[in-house]
Amino acid sequence: MRARDIKKQLTIWPPLTLEFVVCFLPDQSAFEIHQDTFRRPGGFQPPYEPYETRSASRKISSSIPTQDETRRQRRLTMQTPEIRPGPKESEGVAVIDRACAILFAFKPDDGSLTLAELAARTGLYKSTLLRLAGALIQHRLLLRLDDGRYQLGPATFMLGALYQRSLNLGDIVVPLMRELAEISGESVSFYVRDEAVRVCLHRVDSTHAVRYHVREGDVLPLESGSGGLALLAFGGAEGEVFQRIRDDFYCVSMGERDRETAGISMPIFGVRQTVRGVLTLAGPSSRIDQAFVERNIGALFDCAARATDALGGDARALRNAQRHTAMVQGK
């Protein structure tokens, strides 16, 4: 095929590229045909996408707009107003997030808050706060007092009461105890205080043949063992030992109640930070040593914090203590 024949074919198949032409004419004439055919004012400006590898099944367009059509299309594009996307589902979720931020801005010690205080705690504009507060007031989740301050509405108390009535302590604590027993390989107990003693309310045994034997319903003293000392410490007992337990948020006992056993205990909090009980990870002294404590204290903190969240308590103090403990251990 001669050069002039290929030049004629290019008028029929405009999308052909230089690479296609070169495969027929590896001499200088191919470059001349390419320049003559594809030259445009202002440089090479193909009105279609640049060449790319296409599958055999994909058809190549066989028409190229003329220069006048290209200009006309550009004018239409410039005159077409911008079409903005409509509301999305994420916008509705964002509204719920902002409304929840208003409700959770209230702390246990807050009686009421001003609009400025709510704006500072939520980071929302006052205009947005006023609009969302109106909707919350309508549903009795928020109240506006005569002096313009806001407080939580009666519907929040009703929801809290419903949650408390439907709450089963075992449904929350036992799955976390199983998780902790699987991670540590040792037995996990949940103790509650009953006046001057502690009672094992829930128990998950380890798979070891040699283990610390306690059954659900067993009554043990408060004055010995990590579980009893933790209950005393967070029950308000005075003394340097109890203050250290409160500062650390956990208690380690090595053979105090029984010289053959050792354990780690940590409190779980409920509404108004009342102590609902303590989680105790215990086993034979031959397996529970300082290295064991350092390996598993993080998992114990995590389970206690998650149980506290589920029971309506504030787990921030537990998580802060967990970070401090990890930092001290160099993790």
C-alpha atoms as a PDB file:
ATOM      1  CA  MET A   1       0.000   0.000   0.000  1.00  0.00           C
ATOM      2  CA  ARG A   2       1.350   3.401  -0.971  1.00  0.00           C
ATOM      3  CA  ALA A   3       1.382   6.524   1.182  1.00  0.00           C
ATOM      4  CA  ARG A   4      -1.321   8.333  -0.773  1.00  0.00           C
ATOM      5  CA  ASP A   5      -3.628   5.290  -0.474  1.00  0.00           C
ATOM      6  CA  ILE A   6      -3.285   5.290   3.315  1.00  0.00           C
ATOM      7  CA  LYS A   7      -3.953   9.033   3.354  1.00  0.00           C
ATOM      8  CA  LYS A   8      -7.232   8.397   1.520  1.00  0.00           C
ATOM      9  CA  GLN A   9      -8.163   5.651   3.997  1.00  0.00           C
ATOM     10  CA  LEU A  10      -7.661   8.052   6.902  1.00  0.00           C
ATOM     11  CA  THR A  11     -10.561  10.157   5.597  1.00  0.00           C
ATOM     12  CA  ILE A  12     -12.756   7.066   5.980  1.00  0.00           C
ATOM     13  CA  TRP A  13     -11.293   5.860   9.326  1.00  0.00           C
ATOM     14  CA  PRO A  14     -10.432   9.075  11.178  1.00  0.00           C
ATOM     15  CA  PRO A  15      -9.801   7.481  14.576  1.00  0.00           C
ATOM     16  CA  LEU A  16      -6.733   5.624  13.276  1.00  0.00           C
ATOM     17  CA  THR A  17      -3.646   6.681  15.203  1.00  0.00           C
ATOM     18  CA  LEU A  18      -0.038   7.114  14.292  1.00  0.00           C
ATOM     19  CA  GLU A  19       0.791   3.712  15.778  1.00  0.00           C
ATOM     20  CA  PHE A  20      -1.682   2.066  13.386  1.00  0.00           C
ATOM     21  CA  VAL A  21      -0.184   3.855  10.363  1.00  0.00           C
ATOM     22  CA  VAL A  22       3.406   3.084  11.289  1.00  0.00           C
ATOM     23  CA  CYS A  23       2.702  -0.640  11.265  1.00  0.00           C
ATOM     24  CA  PHE A  24       2.094  -0.294   7.500  1.00  0.00           C
ATOM     25  CA  LEU A  25       4.716   2.369   6.664  1.00  0.00           C
ATOM     26  CA  PRO A  26       7.831   2.209   8.812  1.00  0.00           C
ATOM     27  CA  ASP A  27       9.475   4.934   6.715  1.00  0.00           C
ATOM     28  CA  GLN A  28       9.391   8.742   6.943  1.00  0.00           C
ATOM     29  CA  SER A  29       6.223   9.035   4.808  1.00  0.00           C
ATOM     30  CA  ALA A  30       4.098   7.730   7.698  1.00  0.00           C
ATOM     31  CA  PHE A  31       5.136  10.650   9.902  1.00  0.00           C
ATOM     32  CA  GLU A  32       4.343  13.099   7.093  1.00  0.00           C
ATOM     33  CA  ILE A  33       0.864  11.596   6.646  1.00  0.00           C
ATOM     34  CA  HIS A  34       0.257  11.808  10.385  1.00  0.00           C
ATOM     35  CA  GLN A  35       1.303  15.436  10.543  1.00  0.00           C
ATOM     36  CA  ASP A  36      -0.755  16.428   7.536  1.00  0.00           C
ATOM     37  CA  THR A  37      -3.877  14.591   8.666  1.00  0.00           C
ATOM     38  CA  PHE A  38      -3.951  15.347  12.405  1.00  0.00           C
ATOM     39  CA  ARG A  39      -2.605  18.907  12.494  1.00  0.00           C
ATOM     40  CA  ARG A  40      -5.086  21.329  14.103  1.00  0.00           C
ATOM     41  CA  PRO A  41      -4.951  25.075  14.828  1.00  0.00           C
ATOM     42  CA  GLY A  42      -3.191  25.517  18.161  1.00  0.00           C
ATOM     43  CA  GLY A  43      -1.683  22.054  18.108  1.00  0.00           C
ATOM     44  CA  PHE A  44      -3.046  18.540  18.114  1.00  0.00           C
ATOM     45  CA  GLN A  45      -6.453  18.536  19.793  1.00  0.00           C
ATOM     46  CA  PRO A  46      -8.225  15.214  19.222  1.00  0.00           C
ATOM     47  CA  PRO A  47     -12.009  15.509  19.723  1.00  0.00           C
ATOM     48  CA  TYR A  48     -12.052  12.006  21.217  1.00  0.00           C
ATOM     49  CA  GLU A  49     -10.269  10.247  24.022  1.00  0.00           C
ATOM     50  CA  PRO A  50      -6.527   9.587  23.669  1.00  0.00           C
ATOM     51  CA  TYR A  51      -5.530   6.209  22.356  1.00  0.00           C
ATOM     52  CA  GLU A  52      -5.748   3.443  24.911  1.00  0.00           C
ATOM     53  CA  THR A  53      -5.677  -0.316  24.831  1.00  0.00           C
ATOM     54  CA  ARG A  54      -9.115  -1.572  23.962  1.00  0.00           C
ATOM     55  CA  SER A  55     -10.528  -5.068  24.073  1.00  0.00           C
ATOM     56  CA  ALA A  56     -11.259  -6.786  20.813  1.00  0.00           C
ATOM     57  CA  SER A  57     -14.978  -6.564  21.444  1.00  0.00           C
ATOM     58  CA  ARG A  58     -15.038  -2.785  21.925  1.00  0.00           C
ATOM     59  CA  LYS A  59     -15.972  -0.855  18.797  1.00  0.00           C
ATOM     60  CA  ILE A  60     -14.167   2.341  17.867  1.00  0.00           C
ATOM     61  CA  SER A  61     -16.272   5.330  16.932  1.00  0.00           C
ATOM     62  CA  SER A  62     -16.157   6.076  13.223  1.00  0.00           C
ATOM     63  CA  SER A  63     -17.014   9.770  13.268  1.00  0.00           C
ATOM     64  CA  ILE A  64     -15.262  12.879  14.518  1.00  0.00           C
ATOM     65  CA  PRO A  65     -17.109  16.179  15.082  1.00  0.00           C
ATOM     66  CA  THR A  66     -16.122  18.967  12.764  1.00  0.00           C
ATOM     67  CA  GLN A  67     -14.477  22.136  14.040  1.00  0.00           C
ATOM     68  CA  ASP A  68     -17.803  24.035  13.895  1.00  0.00           C
ATOM     69  CA  GLU A  69     -19.604  21.281  15.797  1.00  0.00           C
ATOM     70  CA  THR A  70     -16.892  21.306  18.456  1.00  0.00           C
ATOM     71  CA  ARG A  71     -17.228  25.074  18.929  1.00  0.00           C
ATOM     72  CA  ARG A  72     -21.029  24.802  19.073  1.00  0.00           C
ATOM     73  CA  GLN A  73     -20.762  22.095  21.728  1.00  0.00           C
ATOM     74  CA  ARG A  74     -18.400  24.268  23.786  1.00  0.00           C
ATOM     75  CA  ARG A  75     -20.853  27.197  23.665  1.00  0.00           C
ATOM     76  CA  LEU A  76     -23.697  24.937  24.823  1.00  0.00           C
ATOM     77  CA  THR A  77     -21.551  23.631  27.671  1.00  0.00           C
ATOM     78  CA  MET A  78     -20.741  27.163  28.815  1.00  0.00           C
ATOM     79  CA  GLN A  79     -24.427  28.168  28.705  1.00  0.00           C
ATOM     80  CA  THR A  80     -25.724  25.090  30.549  1.00  0.00           C
ATOM     81  CA  PRO A  81     -26.354  25.929  34.235  1.00  0.00           C
ATOM     82  CA  GLU A  82     -24.617  23.803  36.836  1.00  0.00           C
ATOM     83  CA  ILE A  83     -26.783  20.971  38.141  1.00  0.00           C
ATOM     84  CA  ARG A  84     -26.229  20.425  41.831  1.00  0.00           C
ATOM     85  CA  PRO A  85     -26.824  16.978  43.348  1.00  0.00           C
ATOM     86  CA  GLY A  86     -29.927  16.616  45.457  1.00  0.00           C
ATOM     87  CA  PRO A  87     -30.060  15.679  49.147  1.00  0.00           C
ATOM     88  CA  LYS A  88     -28.442  12.367  49.971  1.00  0.00           C
ATOM     89  CA  GLU A  89     -29.098   9.870  52.708  1.00  0.00           C
ATOM     90  CA  SER A  90     -25.868  10.910  54.428  1.00  0.00           C
ATOM     91  CA  GLU A  91     -27.380  14.344  55.083  1.00  0.00           C
ATOM     92  CA  GLY A  92     -30.162  12.738  57.125  1.00  0.00           C
ATOM     93  CA  VAL A  93     -27.603  10.786  59.123  1.00  0.00           C
ATOM     94  CA  ALA A  94     -25.679  14.013  59.758  1.00  0.00           C
ATOM     95  CA  VAL A  95     -28.817  15.632  61.201  1.00  0.00           C
ATOM     96  CA  ILE A  96     -29.249  12.717  63.613  1.00  0.00           C
ATOM     97  CA  ASP A  97     -25.586  12.960  64.603  1.00  0.00           C
ATOM     98  CA  ARG A  98     -25.990  16.667  65.409  1.00  0.00           C
ATOM     99  CA  ALA A  99     -29.154  16.046  67.425  1.00  0.00           C
ATOM    100  CA  CYS A 100     -27.393  13.326  69.425  1.00  0.00           C
ATOM    101  CA  ALA A 101     -24.448  15.671  69.993  1.00  0.00           C
ATOM    102  CA  ILE A 102     -26.839  18.121  71.669  1.00  0.00           C
ATOM    103  CA  LEU A 103     -28.261  15.452  73.980  1.00  0.00           C
ATOM    104  CA  PHE A 104     -24.854  14.020  74.886  1.00  0.00           C
ATOM    105  CA  ALA A 105     -23.491  17.499  75.601  1.00  0.00           C
ATOM    106  CA  PHE A 106     -25.169  17.255  79.019  1.00  0.00           C
ATOM    107  CA  LYS A 107     -22.988  15.801  81.777  1.00  0.00           C
ATOM    108  CA  PRO A 108     -24.099  14.216  85.082  1.00  0.00           C
ATOM    109  CA  ASP A 109     -23.441  17.428  87.027  1.00  0.00           C
ATOM    110  CA  ASP A 110     -25.269  19.705  84.562  1.00  0.00           C
ATOM    111  CA  GLY A 111     -28.685  20.935  85.572  1.00  0.00           C
ATOM    112  CA  SER A 112     -29.173  23.072  82.481  1.00  0.00           C
ATOM    113  CA  LEU A 113     -27.055  24.684  79.762  1.00  0.00           C
ATOM    114  CA  THR A 114     -27.220  27.962  77.865  1.00  0.00           C
ATOM    115  CA  LEU A 115     -27.245  28.140  74.090  1.00  0.00           C
ATOM    116  CA  ALA A 116     -23.667  29.420  74.147  1.00  0.00           C
ATOM    117  CA  GLU A 117     -22.561  26.467  76.311  1.00  0.00           C
ATOM    118  CA  LEU A 118     -24.230  24.009  73.952  1.00  0.00           C
ATOM    119  CA  ALA A 119     -22.539  25.674  70.987  1.00  0.00           C
ATOM    120  CA  ALA A 120     -19.150  25.429  72.693  1.00  0.00           C
ATOM    121  CA  ARG A 121     -19.604  21.746  73.582  1.00  0.00           C
ATOM    122  CA  THR A 122     -21.039  20.598  70.250  1.00  0.00           C
ATOM    123  CA  GLY A 123     -19.199  22.885  67.833  1.00  0.00           C
ATOM    124  CA  LEU A 124     -22.501  23.716  66.100  1.00  0.00           C
ATOM    125  CA  TYR A 125     -23.665  27.148  64.978  1.00  0.00           C
ATOM    126  CA  LYS A 126     -26.338  28.731  67.157  1.00  0.00           C
ATOM    127  CA  SER A 127     -28.756  28.856  64.218  1.00  0.00           C
ATOM    128  CA  THR A 128     -28.346  25.093  63.735  1.00  0.00           C
ATOM    129  CA  LEU A 129     -28.753  24.526  67.466  1.00  0.00           C
ATOM    130  CA  LEU A 130     -31.995  26.504  67.578  1.00  0.00           C
ATOM    131  CA  ARG A 131     -33.453  24.539  64.662  1.00  0.00           C
ATOM    132  CA  LEU A 132     -32.514  21.128  66.081  1.00  0.00           C
ATOM    133  CA  ALA A 133     -33.491  22.109  69.629  1.00  0.00           C
ATOM    134  CA  GLY A 134     -36.978  22.937  68.368  1.00  0.00           C
ATOM    135  CA  ALA A 135     -37.379  19.411  66.998  1.00  0.00           C
ATOM    136  CA  LEU A 136     -36.012  17.841  70.196  1.00  0.00           C
ATOM    137  CA  ILE A 137     -38.379  19.949  72.316  1.00  0.00           C
ATOM    138  CA  GLN A 138     -41.292  18.789  70.177  1.00  0.00           C
ATOM    139  CA  HIS A 139     -40.415  15.170  71.010  1.00  0.00           C
ATOM    140  CA  ARG A 140     -39.869  16.002  74.730  1.00  0.00           C
ATOM    141  CA  LEU A 141     -36.205  15.048  74.529  1.00  0.00           C
ATOM    142  CA  LEU A 142     -35.241  18.607  75.451  1.00  0.00           C
ATOM    143  CA  LEU A 143     -36.845  21.384  77.509  1.00  0.00           C
ATOM    144  CA  ARG A 144     -36.405  25.151  77.187  1.00  0.00           C
ATOM    145  CA  LEU A 145     -36.691  26.918  80.529  1.00  0.00           C
ATOM    146  CA  ASP A 146     -38.136  30.382  81.107  1.00  0.00           C
ATOM    147  CA  ASP A 147     -34.666  31.927  81.373  1.00  0.00           C
ATOM    148  CA  GLY A 148     -33.679  30.527  77.957  1.00  0.00           C
ATOM    149  CA  ARG A 149     -31.548  27.676  79.278  1.00  0.00           C
ATOM    150  CA  TYR A 150     -31.979  24.086  78.123  1.00  0.00           C
ATOM    151  CA  GLN A 151     -32.216  20.814  80.006  1.00  0.00           C
ATOM    152  CA  LEU A 152     -32.935  17.201  79.109  1.00  0.00           C
ATOM    153  CA  GLY A 153     -36.618  16.433  78.664  1.00  0.00           C
ATOM    154  CA  PRO A 154     -38.826  13.778  80.295  1.00  0.00           C
ATOM    155  CA  ALA A 155     -38.642  11.470  77.269  1.00  0.00           C
ATOM    156  CA  THR A 156     -34.981  10.767  78.045  1.00  0.00           C
ATOM    157  CA  PHE A 157     -35.962   9.521  81.516  1.00  0.00           C
ATOM    158  CA  MET A 158     -38.646   7.305  80.008  1.00  0.00           C
ATOM    159  CA  LEU A 159     -36.159   5.776  77.554  1.00  0.00           C
ATOM    160  CA  GLY A 160     -33.638   5.234  80.349  1.00  0.00           C
ATOM    161  CA  ALA A 161     -36.231   3.504  82.504  1.00  0.00           C
ATOM    162  CA  LEU A 162     -37.220   1.241  79.610  1.00  0.00           C
ATOM    163  CA  TYR A 163     -33.592   0.325  79.057  1.00  0.00           C
ATOM    164  CA  GLN A 164     -33.042  -0.436  82.746  1.00  0.00           C
ATOM    165  CA  ARG A 165     -36.118  -2.686  82.891  1.00  0.00           C
ATOM    166  CA  SER A 166     -35.054  -4.607  79.797  1.00  0.00           C
ATOM    167  CA  LEU A 167     -31.455  -4.906  80.977  1.00  0.00           C
ATOM    168  CA  ASN A 168     -30.131  -8.306  82.019  1.00  0.00           C
ATOM    169  CA  LEU A 169     -26.724  -8.041  83.660  1.00  0.00           C
ATOM    170  CA  GLY A 170     -25.727 -11.545  82.611  1.00  0.00           C
ATOM    171  CA  ASP A 171     -26.468 -10.851  78.946  1.00  0.00           C
ATOM    172  CA  ILE A 172     -23.868  -8.081  79.030  1.00  0.00           C
ATOM    173  CA  VAL A 173     -21.214  -9.463  81.356  1.00  0.00           C
ATOM    174  CA  VAL A 174     -21.061 -13.175  80.480  1.00  0.00           C
ATOM    175  CA  PRO A 175     -20.130 -12.794  76.766  1.00  0.00           C
ATOM    176  CA  LEU A 176     -17.303 -10.455  77.777  1.00  0.00           C
ATOM    177  CA  MET A 177     -16.172 -12.945  80.419  1.00  0.00           C
ATOM    178  CA  ARG A 178     -16.035 -15.717  77.807  1.00  0.00           C
ATOM    179  CA  GLU A 179     -13.983 -13.467  75.560  1.00  0.00           C
ATOM    180  CA  LEU A 180     -11.575 -12.657  78.389  1.00  0.00           C
ATOM    181  CA  ALA A 181     -11.245 -16.337  79.355  1.00  0.00           C
ATOM    182  CA  GLU A 182     -10.418 -17.245  75.758  1.00  0.00           C
ATOM    183  CA  ILE A 183      -7.791 -14.495  75.487  1.00  0.00           C
ATOM    184  CA  SER A 184      -6.106 -15.212  78.821  1.00  0.00           C
ATOM    185  CA  GLY A 185      -6.682 -18.947  79.138  1.00  0.00           C
ATOM    186  CA  GLU A 186      -7.722 -18.529  82.799  1.00  0.00           C
ATOM    187  CA  SER A 187     -11.013 -18.473  84.732  1.00  0.00           C
ATOM    188  CA  VAL A 188     -13.093 -15.294  84.965  1.00  0.00           C
ATOM    189  CA  SER A 189     -15.555 -14.441  87.766  1.00  0.00           C
ATOM    190  CA  PHE A 190     -17.965 -11.571  88.353  1.00  0.00           C
ATOM    191  CA  TYR A 191     -18.450 -10.607  92.004  1.00  0.00           C
ATOM    192  CA  VAL A 192     -21.004  -8.297  93.604  1.00  0.00           C
ATOM    193  CA  ARG A 193     -20.998  -6.965  97.138  1.00  0.00           C
ATOM    194  CA  ASP A 194     -23.619  -8.140  99.606  1.00  0.00           C
ATOM    195  CA  GLU A 195     -23.046  -6.082 102.762  1.00  0.00           C
ATOM    196  CA  ALA A 196     -19.912  -7.584 104.401  1.00  0.00           C
ATOM    197  CA  VAL A 197     -19.262 -10.357 101.856  1.00  0.00           C
ATOM    198  CA  ARG A 198     -18.926 -10.819  98.108  1.00  0.00           C
ATOM    199  CA  VAL A 199     -20.942 -13.242  96.008  1.00  0.00           C
ATOM    200  CA  CYS A 200     -19.874 -14.895  92.758  1.00  0.00           C
ATOM    201  CA  LEU A 201     -22.716 -13.977  90.422  1.00  0.00           C
ATOM    202  CA  HIS A 202     -21.271 -15.327  87.147  1.00  0.00           C
ATOM    203  CA  ARG A 203     -18.391 -17.663  86.359  1.00  0.00           C
ATOM    204  CA  VAL A 204     -16.539 -18.862  83.228  1.00  0.00           C
ATOM    205  CA  ASP A 205     -14.008 -21.641  83.887  1.00  0.00           C
ATOM    206  CA  SER A 206     -10.720 -22.087  82.073  1.00  0.00           C
ATOM    207  CA  THR A 207      -9.944 -25.222  80.089  1.00  0.00           C
ATOM    208  CA  HIS A 208      -6.956 -26.107  82.294  1.00  0.00           C
ATOM    209  CA  ALA A 209      -7.247 -29.217  84.466  1.00  0.00           C
ATOM    210  CA  VAL A 210      -5.611 -27.303  87.312  1.00  0.00           C
ATOM    211  CA  ARG A 211      -7.575 -24.125  87.924  1.00  0.00           C
ATOM    212  CA  TYR A 212      -9.001 -21.817  90.579  1.00  0.00           C
ATOM    213  CA  HIS A 213     -12.305 -23.417  91.636  1.00  0.00           C
ATOM    214  CA  VAL A 214     -15.209 -21.083  92.415  1.00  0.00           C
ATOM    215  CA  ARG A 215     -18.866 -21.703  91.612  1.00  0.00           C
ATOM    216  CA  GLU A 216     -21.708 -19.297  90.949  1.00  0.00           C
ATOM    217  CA  GLY A 217     -23.353 -18.446  94.264  1.00  0.00           C
ATOM    218  CA  ASP A 218     -20.223 -18.967  96.368  1.00  0.00           C
ATOM    219  CA  VAL A 219     -19.764 -16.429  99.178  1.00  0.00           C
ATOM    220  CA  LEU A 220     -16.252 -15.121  99.848  1.00  0.00           C
ATOM    221  CA  PRO A 221     -14.821 -12.527 102.260  1.00  0.00           C
ATOM    222  CA  LEU A 222     -14.213  -8.921 101.275  1.00  0.00           C
ATOM    223  CA  GLU A 223     -10.985  -8.485 103.218  1.00  0.00           C
ATOM    224  CA  SER A 224      -8.846 -10.798 101.079  1.00  0.00           C
ATOM    225  CA  GLY A 225      -8.396 -11.497  97.408  1.00  0.00           C
ATOM    226  CA  SER A 226      -8.292  -9.004  94.549  1.00  0.00           C
ATOM    227  CA  GLY A 227     -12.072  -9.100  94.051  1.00  0.00           C
ATOM    228  CA  GLY A 228     -12.881  -8.253  97.665  1.00  0.00           C
ATOM    229  CA  LEU A 229     -10.243  -5.514  97.901  1.00  0.00           C
ATOM    230  CA  ALA A 230     -11.483  -3.908  94.676  1.00  0.00           C
ATOM    231  CA  LEU A 231     -15.077  -3.886  95.966  1.00  0.00           C
ATOM    232  CA  LEU A 232     -13.918  -2.275  99.215  1.00  0.00           C
ATOM    233  CA  ALA A 233     -11.771   0.314  97.424  1.00  0.00           C
ATOM    234  CA  PHE A 234     -14.542   1.467  95.097  1.00  0.00           C
ATOM    235  CA  GLY A 235     -17.033   1.273  97.928  1.00  0.00           C
ATOM    236  CA  GLY A 236     -15.208   4.141  99.666  1.00  0.00           C
ATOM    237  CA  ALA A 237     -12.814   2.299 102.012  1.00  0.00           C
ATOM    238  CA  GLU A 238     -10.019   4.518 103.310  1.00  0.00           C
ATOM    239  CA  GLY A 239      -6.316   3.796 103.382  1.00  0.00           C
ATOM    240  CA  GLU A 240      -3.236   3.951 101.193  1.00  0.00           C
ATOM    241  CA  VAL A 241      -3.836   0.503  99.716  1.00  0.00           C
ATOM    242  CA  PHE A 242      -7.393   1.326  98.679  1.00  0.00           C
ATOM    243  CA  GLN A 243      -6.418   4.724  97.298  1.00  0.00           C
ATOM    244  CA  ARG A 244      -3.787   3.083  95.096  1.00  0.00           C
ATOM    245  CA  ILE A 245      -6.409   0.659  93.790  1.00  0.00           C
ATOM    246  CA  ARG A 246      -8.716   3.579  92.982  1.00  0.00           C
ATOM    247  CA  ASP A 247      -5.888   5.405  91.205  1.00  0.00           C
ATOM    248  CA  ASP A 248      -4.894   2.356  89.131  1.00  0.00           C
ATOM    249  CA  PHE A 249      -8.471   1.110  88.586  1.00  0.00           C
ATOM    250  CA  TYR A 250      -7.374  -2.474  89.224  1.00  0.00           C
ATOM    251  CA  CYS A 251      -6.122  -4.699  92.039  1.00  0.00           C
ATOM    252  CA  VAL A 252      -3.573  -7.524  91.844  1.00  0.00           C
ATOM    253  CA  SER A 253      -3.510 -10.179  94.557  1.00  0.00           C
ATOM    254  CA  MET A 254      -0.731 -12.761  94.751  1.00  0.00           C
ATOM    255  CA  GLY A 255      -1.619 -15.505  97.253  1.00  0.00           C
ATOM    256  CA  GLU A 256      -3.405 -13.256  99.793  1.00  0.00           C
ATOM    257  CA  ARG A 257      -6.550 -15.338 100.249  1.00  0.00           C
ATOM    258  CA  ASP A 258      -4.967 -18.609  99.125  1.00  0.00           C
ATOM    259  CA  ARG A 259      -1.215 -18.856  98.653  1.00  0.00           C
ATOM    260  CA  GLU A 260      -1.765 -21.193  95.668  1.00  0.00           C
ATOM    261  CA  THR A 261      -3.905 -18.698  93.729  1.00  0.00           C
ATOM    262  CA  ALA A 262      -3.534 -15.207  92.274  1.00  0.00           C
ATOM    263  CA  GLY A 263      -5.854 -12.806  90.507  1.00  0.00           C
ATOM    264  CA  ILE A 264      -6.522  -9.395  88.953  1.00  0.00           C
ATOM    265  CA  SER A 265      -9.795  -7.545  89.547  1.00  0.00           C
ATOM    266  CA  MET A 266     -11.329  -4.440  88.001  1.00  0.00           C
ATOM    267  CA  PRO A 267     -14.624  -2.600  88.666  1.00  0.00           C
ATOM    268  CA  ILE A 268     -17.586  -2.235  86.331  1.00  0.00           C
ATOM    269  CA  PHE A 269     -19.708   0.905  86.663  1.00  0.00           C
ATOM    270  CA  GLY A 270     -23.350   1.603  85.940  1.00  0.00           C
ATOM    271  CA  VAL A 271     -25.563   4.679  85.882  1.00  0.00           C
ATOM    272  CA  ARG A 272     -24.184   7.557  87.990  1.00  0.00           C
ATOM    273  CA  GLN A 273     -20.923   5.612  88.267  1.00  0.00           C
ATOM    274  CA  THR A 274     -22.302   3.194  90.821  1.00  0.00           C
ATOM    275  CA  VAL A 275     -20.188   0.032  91.124  1.00  0.00           C
ATOM    276  CA  ARG A 276     -22.140  -2.881  89.660  1.00  0.00           C
ATOM    277  CA  GLY A 277     -19.457  -5.449  90.491  1.00  0.00           C
ATOM    278  CA  VAL A 278     -15.894  -6.490  89.699  1.00  0.00           C
ATOM    279  CA  LEU A 279     -14.402  -8.692  86.991  1.00  0.00           C
ATOM    280  CA  THR A 280     -11.771 -11.068  88.354  1.00  0.00           C
ATOM    281  CA  LEU A 281      -9.239 -12.972  86.276  1.00  0.00           C
ATOM    282  CA  ALA A 282      -7.757 -15.698  88.510  1.00  0.00           C
ATOM    283  CA  GLY A 283      -5.774 -18.918  88.435  1.00  0.00           C
ATOM    284  CA  PRO A 284      -2.933 -20.855  90.073  1.00  0.00           C
ATOM    285  CA  SER A 285       0.063 -18.816  91.224  1.00  0.00           C
ATOM    286  CA  SER A 286       2.268 -20.927  88.964  1.00  0.00           C
ATOM    287  CA  ARG A 287       0.602 -19.328  85.919  1.00  0.00           C
ATOM    288  CA  ILE A 288      -0.482 -15.914  87.242  1.00  0.00           C
ATOM    289  CA  ASP A 289       2.710 -13.888  87.536  1.00  0.00           C
ATOM    290  CA  GLN A 290       3.766 -10.337  86.677  1.00  0.00           C
ATOM    291  CA  ALA A 291       4.314 -11.237  83.029  1.00  0.00           C
ATOM    292  CA  PHE A 292       0.765 -12.650  82.874  1.00  0.00           C
ATOM    293  CA  VAL A 293      -0.612  -9.437  84.384  1.00  0.00           C
ATOM    294  CA  GLU A 294       1.199  -7.283  81.825  1.00  0.00           C
ATOM    295  CA  ARG A 295      -0.015  -9.451  78.931  1.00  0.00           C
ATOM    296  CA  ASN A 296      -3.678  -9.468  79.955  1.00  0.00           C
ATOM    297  CA  ILE A 297      -4.310  -6.189  81.798  1.00  0.00           C
ATOM    298  CA  GLY A 298      -5.233  -4.472  78.519  1.00  0.00           C
ATOM    299  CA  ALA A 299      -7.890  -7.077  77.687  1.00  0.00           C
ATOM    300  CA  LEU A 300      -9.318  -6.783  81.214  1.00  0.00           C
ATOM    301  CA  PHE A 301      -9.514  -2.990  80.864  1.00  0.00           C
ATOM    302  CA  ASP A 302     -11.235  -3.350  77.493  1.00  0.00           C
ATOM    303  CA  CYS A 303     -13.897  -5.758  78.786  1.00  0.00           C
ATOM    304  CA  ALA A 304     -14.565  -3.620  81.881  1.00  0.00           C
ATOM    305  CA  ALA A 305     -14.933  -0.482  79.751  1.00  0.00           C
ATOM    306  CA  ARG A 306     -17.305  -2.154  77.287  1.00  0.00           C
ATOM    307  CA  ALA A 307     -19.442  -3.541  80.122  1.00  0.00           C
ATOM    308  CA  THR A 308     -19.529  -0.082  81.733  1.00  0.00           C
ATOM    309  CA  ASP A 309     -20.687   1.472  78.458  1.00  0.00           C
ATOM    310  CA  ALA A 310     -23.450  -1.121  78.098  1.00  0.00           C
ATOM    311  CA  LEU A 311     -24.626  -0.594  81.690  1.00  0.00           C
ATOM    312  CA  GLY A 312     -24.971   3.163  81.246  1.00  0.00           C
ATOM    313  CA  GLY A 313     -21.775   4.167  83.034  1.00  0.00           C
ATOM    314  CA  ASP A 314     -18.963   6.447  81.934  1.00  0.00           C
ATOM    315  CA  ALA A 315     -15.984   4.371  80.796  1.00  0.00           C
ATOM    316  CA  ARG A 316     -13.661   7.298  80.076  1.00  0.00           C
ATOM    317  CA  ALA A 317     -11.825   6.928  83.394  1.00  0.00           C
ATOM    318  CA  LEU A 318     -11.194   3.242  82.678  1.00  0.00           C
ATOM    319  CA  ARG A 319      -9.858   3.984  79.212  1.00  0.00           C
ATOM    320  CA  ASN A 320      -7.635   6.771  80.536  1.00  0.00           C
ATOM    321  CA  ALA A 321      -6.254   4.377  83.156  1.00  0.00           C
ATOM    322  CA  GLN A 322      -5.683   1.781  80.428  1.00  0.00           C
ATOM    323  CA  ARG A 323      -3.635   4.242  78.370  1.00  0.00           C
ATOM    324  CA  HIS A 324      -1.636   5.269  81.445  1.00  0.00           C
ATOM    325  CA  THR A 325      -0.924   1.640  82.355  1.00  0.00           C
ATOM    326  CA  ALA A 326       0.194   0.835  78.808  1.00  0.00           C
ATOM    327  CA  MET A 327       2.476   3.872  78.818  1.00  0.00           C
ATOM    328  CA  VAL A 328       4.039   2.832  82.125  1.00  0.00           C
ATOM    329  CA  GLN A 329       4.621  -0.663  80.759  1.00  0.00           C
ATOM    330  CA  GLY A 330       6.229   0.854  77.661  1.00  0.00           C
ATOM    331  CA  LYS A 331       3.695  -0.510  75.175  1.00  0.00           C
END
